[in-house]
Protein backbone atom coordinates (compact mmCIF):
# COMPACT_ATOMS: atom_id res chain seq x y z
CA MET A 1 -13.03 17.14 -4.52
CA LEU A 2 -13.90 13.45 -4.33
CA ILE A 3 -11.20 11.15 -2.97
CA ILE A 4 -12.01 7.51 -3.67
CA PHE A 5 -10.26 4.86 -1.58
CA SER A 6 -10.27 1.26 -2.79
CA GLY A 7 -8.57 -1.95 -1.74
CA LEU A 8 -9.07 -5.29 -0.07
CA PRO A 9 -10.07 -5.56 3.59
CA GLY A 10 -7.05 -5.27 5.88
CA SER A 11 -4.95 -3.40 3.32
CA GLY A 12 -4.93 -0.26 5.49
CA LYS A 13 -7.33 1.91 3.48
CA SER A 14 -9.62 2.88 6.38
CA THR A 15 -6.68 3.84 8.60
CA ILE A 16 -5.20 6.02 5.86
CA ALA A 17 -8.58 7.44 4.79
CA ARG A 18 -9.45 8.48 8.36
CA ALA A 19 -6.04 10.13 8.82
CA LEU A 20 -6.49 12.02 5.55
CA ALA A 21 -10.05 13.07 6.48
CA GLN A 22 -8.74 14.57 9.71
CA ARG A 23 -5.87 16.28 7.90
CA VAL A 24 -8.01 17.94 5.20
CA GLY A 25 -11.29 18.29 7.11
CA ALA A 26 -13.23 16.03 4.73
CA VAL A 27 -16.54 14.24 4.98
CA TYR A 28 -15.69 10.57 5.49
CA LEU A 29 -18.04 7.93 4.03
CA ARG A 30 -17.20 4.34 4.95
CA ILE A 31 -19.19 1.57 3.28
CA ASP A 32 -18.79 -0.74 6.31
CA THR A 33 -20.52 1.84 8.51
CA ILE A 34 -23.33 2.42 6.01
CA GLU A 35 -23.93 -1.29 5.39
CA GLN A 36 -23.96 -2.12 9.10
CA ALA A 37 -26.45 0.70 9.76
CA LEU A 38 -28.69 -0.73 7.03
CA ARG A 39 -28.43 -4.23 8.56
CA ASP A 40 -29.24 -2.81 11.99
CA ALA A 41 -32.26 -0.91 10.64
CA GLU A 42 -33.60 -4.06 8.99
CA GLN A 43 -32.51 -6.28 11.88
CA ALA A 44 -31.02 -8.65 9.33
CA GLU A 45 -27.71 -10.43 8.90
CA ARG A 46 -27.31 -10.55 5.15
CA GLU A 47 -25.16 -9.51 2.26
CA MET A 48 -25.94 -5.96 1.24
CA GLY A 49 -25.52 -6.13 -2.48
CA PRO A 50 -25.36 -2.60 -3.90
CA ALA A 51 -27.41 -0.87 -1.17
CA GLY A 52 -24.45 0.50 0.79
CA TYR A 53 -22.82 1.85 -2.33
CA VAL A 54 -26.06 3.48 -3.50
CA VAL A 55 -26.41 5.26 -0.14
CA ALA A 56 -22.75 6.35 -0.29
CA TYR A 57 -23.23 7.70 -3.83
CA GLY A 58 -26.15 9.85 -2.68
CA LEU A 59 -24.32 11.15 0.39
CA ALA A 60 -21.19 11.85 -1.65
CA ARG A 61 -23.14 13.79 -4.29
CA GLU A 62 -24.98 15.87 -1.69
CA ASN A 63 -21.83 16.74 0.28
CA LEU A 64 -19.84 17.53 -2.87
CA ALA A 65 -22.64 19.86 -4.00
CA LEU A 66 -22.29 21.66 -0.64
CA GLY A 67 -18.62 22.28 -1.42
CA SER A 68 -17.17 19.66 0.91
CA ILE A 69 -14.20 17.44 0.26
CA VAL A 70 -15.55 13.89 0.37
CA ILE A 71 -13.57 10.73 1.05
CA THR A 72 -15.14 7.37 0.24
CA ASP A 73 -13.77 4.20 1.80
CA SER A 74 -14.80 0.88 0.26
CA VAL A 75 -13.39 -2.21 -1.39
CA ASN A 76 -14.68 -0.74 -4.67
CA PRO A 77 -13.99 -4.05 -6.41
CA ILE A 78 -15.32 -3.59 -9.94
CA PRO A 79 -15.26 -1.02 -12.74
CA LEU A 80 -19.01 -0.38 -12.28
CA THR A 81 -18.55 0.96 -8.74
CA ARG A 82 -15.41 2.86 -9.71
CA ASP A 83 -17.21 4.47 -12.66
CA ALA A 84 -20.17 5.44 -10.48
CA TYR A 85 -17.93 7.50 -8.21
CA HIS A 86 -16.41 9.24 -11.24
CA ASP A 87 -19.88 9.98 -12.62
CA ILE A 88 -20.87 11.58 -9.31
CA ALA A 89 -17.83 13.85 -9.32
CA ARG A 90 -18.45 14.86 -12.93
CA SER A 91 -22.15 15.51 -12.27
CA VAL A 92 -21.22 18.00 -9.55
CA GLY A 93 -18.30 19.43 -11.50
CA VAL A 94 -15.52 18.49 -9.09
CA PRO A 95 -12.24 16.65 -9.63
CA TYR A 96 -11.61 13.20 -8.21
CA LEU A 97 -8.64 11.10 -7.20
CA ASP A 98 -8.62 7.30 -7.22
CA ILE A 99 -6.46 5.68 -4.55
CA GLU A 100 -5.83 1.96 -4.35
CA VAL A 101 -4.31 0.73 -1.10
CA VAL A 102 -2.47 -2.56 -1.33
CA CYS A 103 -0.38 -4.59 1.08
CA SER A 104 2.37 -6.27 -0.94
CA ASN A 105 3.44 -8.49 1.96
CA PRO A 106 0.91 -11.37 2.17
CA SER A 107 1.98 -12.45 5.66
CA LEU A 108 1.63 -8.88 6.98
CA HIS A 109 -1.73 -8.52 5.24
CA ARG A 110 -2.94 -11.80 6.77
CA GLU A 111 -1.73 -10.73 10.21
CA ARG A 112 -3.65 -7.46 9.91
CA VAL A 113 -6.81 -9.25 8.86
CA GLU A 114 -6.55 -11.78 11.67
CA LYS A 115 -5.77 -9.18 14.37
CA ARG A 116 -8.26 -6.51 13.27
CA LYS A 117 -10.56 -5.25 15.97
CA VAL A 118 -14.20 -4.50 15.24
CA ASP A 119 -14.76 -0.74 15.39
CA ILE A 120 -18.39 -0.78 14.22
CA GLU A 121 -20.83 -2.46 16.59
CA GLY A 122 -22.32 -5.58 15.04
CA LEU A 123 -19.95 -5.69 12.05
CA VAL A 124 -18.60 -9.14 11.25
CA LEU A 125 -15.10 -8.79 9.85
CA PRO A 126 -13.96 -11.10 7.04
CA ASP A 127 -11.41 -13.77 7.83
CA TRP A 128 -8.28 -14.28 5.73
CA GLN A 129 -9.93 -16.86 3.47
CA ALA A 130 -12.77 -14.44 2.70
CA VAL A 131 -10.27 -11.71 1.87
CA ILE A 132 -8.22 -13.82 -0.53
CA ASN A 133 -11.41 -15.20 -2.14
CA ARG A 134 -12.92 -11.71 -2.50
CA HIS A 135 -13.88 -10.75 -6.03
CA TYR A 136 -11.64 -7.81 -6.91
CA GLU A 137 -11.11 -6.94 -10.56
CA PRO A 138 -7.81 -5.51 -11.77
CA TRP A 139 -7.68 -1.80 -12.48
CA ASP A 140 -7.66 -0.49 -16.04
CA ARG A 141 -7.07 3.18 -15.26
CA GLU A 142 -4.69 5.57 -13.61
CA ARG A 143 -4.74 5.76 -9.83
CA LEU A 144 -2.46 6.49 -6.90
CA ILE A 145 -1.25 3.16 -5.52
CA LEU A 146 -0.16 3.13 -1.88
CA ASP A 147 1.61 0.06 -0.53
CA SER A 148 0.91 -0.07 3.19
CA ALA A 149 3.58 -2.74 3.63
CA VAL A 150 6.28 -0.14 2.91
CA LEU A 151 4.62 3.22 3.62
CA SER A 152 3.54 4.46 7.03
CA VAL A 153 0.14 6.10 7.44
CA ALA A 154 1.84 9.51 7.61
CA GLN A 155 3.86 8.83 4.45
CA SER A 156 0.71 7.69 2.66
CA VAL A 157 -1.15 10.85 3.67
CA GLU A 158 1.75 12.98 2.44
CA GLN A 159 1.72 11.21 -0.93
CA ILE A 160 -2.02 11.83 -1.22
CA VAL A 161 -1.70 15.51 -0.29
CA ALA A 162 0.99 15.90 -2.97
CA ALA A 163 -1.24 14.14 -5.53
CA LEU A 164 -4.21 16.36 -4.59
CA ALA A 165 -2.18 19.47 -5.32
CA LYS A 166 -1.74 18.20 -8.89
CA VAL A 167 -5.41 17.24 -9.39
CA ARG A 168 -7.06 20.46 -8.29
């Protein structure tokens, strides 16, 4: 099973994705971690472009083929990246679930962004202006939408677990 988390920085997706990974014993692939490792390896401070996603796609495919549940955690801002995850799941013959995490309360979202602590050495977190200016295309397909302004992490995980039971 491939569980695909998407949403703007500070929406709560990493917190929920980590909690779910612990709950279901999944492989957890976070784009921020992958991209920072690539920057560290190249000793460069630059935009990654698609490199982090390409690495995540390969790791997801390999772990799915081994029979693991895989959770991906990324902004996943455009149909191209969303489609790529679906193609990976189909190529391995496993189901997938799209999850979009949103924070419907702009002041809460801003507070989260501004108070976030770096949990990956060397990672530069986006400020609020970068988050609101982030290119993020609207969805054109079915997905589970979790509003972290009204749902706790535990409630979000429970909603995902219930949705997974229907997908399998």
